[in-house]
Amino acid sequence: MKAMWNHPLGRHIVVFTVLKLVAIFAIWWFFFRPFTSASG
């Protein structure tokens, strides 16, 4: 992993993959999470 991080293309791939995972989680959180009713 350290050798991949030292390579510019490897660093780009790792950062892009992490950002994609964060974006997918954010989209799921805002649109597809189970909504709980506050009114009971």
Protein backbone atom coordinates (compact mmCIF):
# COMPACT_ATOMS: atom_id res chain seq x y z
CA MET A 1 0.00 0.00 0.00
CA LYS A 2 2.86 2.37 0.80
CA ALA A 3 4.44 1.79 -2.63
CA MET A 4 1.09 2.54 -4.27
CA TRP A 5 0.71 5.73 -2.19
CA ASN A 6 4.15 6.97 -3.29
CA HIS A 7 3.21 6.62 -6.97
CA PRO A 8 1.21 9.64 -8.29
CA LEU A 9 -1.30 7.51 -10.21
CA GLY A 10 -1.73 5.17 -7.24
CA ARG A 11 -2.38 8.13 -4.96
CA HIS A 12 -4.95 9.47 -7.43
CA ILE A 13 -6.73 6.10 -7.57
CA VAL A 14 -6.82 5.77 -3.77
CA VAL A 15 -8.12 9.32 -3.23
CA PHE A 16 -10.70 8.97 -6.02
CA THR A 17 -11.95 5.65 -4.64
CA VAL A 18 -12.31 7.07 -1.12
CA LEU A 19 -14.17 10.12 -2.44
CA LYS A 20 -16.51 7.88 -4.46
CA LEU A 21 -17.28 5.80 -1.38
CA VAL A 22 -18.00 8.95 0.64
CA ALA A 23 -20.24 10.30 -2.13
CA ILE A 24 -22.17 7.01 -2.40
CA PHE A 25 -22.66 6.92 1.37
CA ALA A 26 -23.82 10.57 1.39
CA ILE A 27 -26.34 9.92 -1.40
CA TRP A 28 -27.65 6.87 0.46
CA TRP A 29 -27.84 8.81 3.73
CA PHE A 30 -29.80 11.72 2.24
CA PHE A 31 -32.19 9.74 0.01
CA PHE A 32 -32.47 6.10 1.06
CA ARG A 33 -32.05 5.90 4.83
CA PRO A 34 -35.12 4.74 6.76
CA PHE A 35 -37.01 7.79 7.90
CA THR A 36 -38.38 7.78 11.44
CA SER A 37 -41.55 9.67 12.15
CA ALA A 38 -41.19 12.37 14.82
CA SER A 39 -44.96 12.62 15.36
CA GLY A 40 -45.18 9.05 16.66
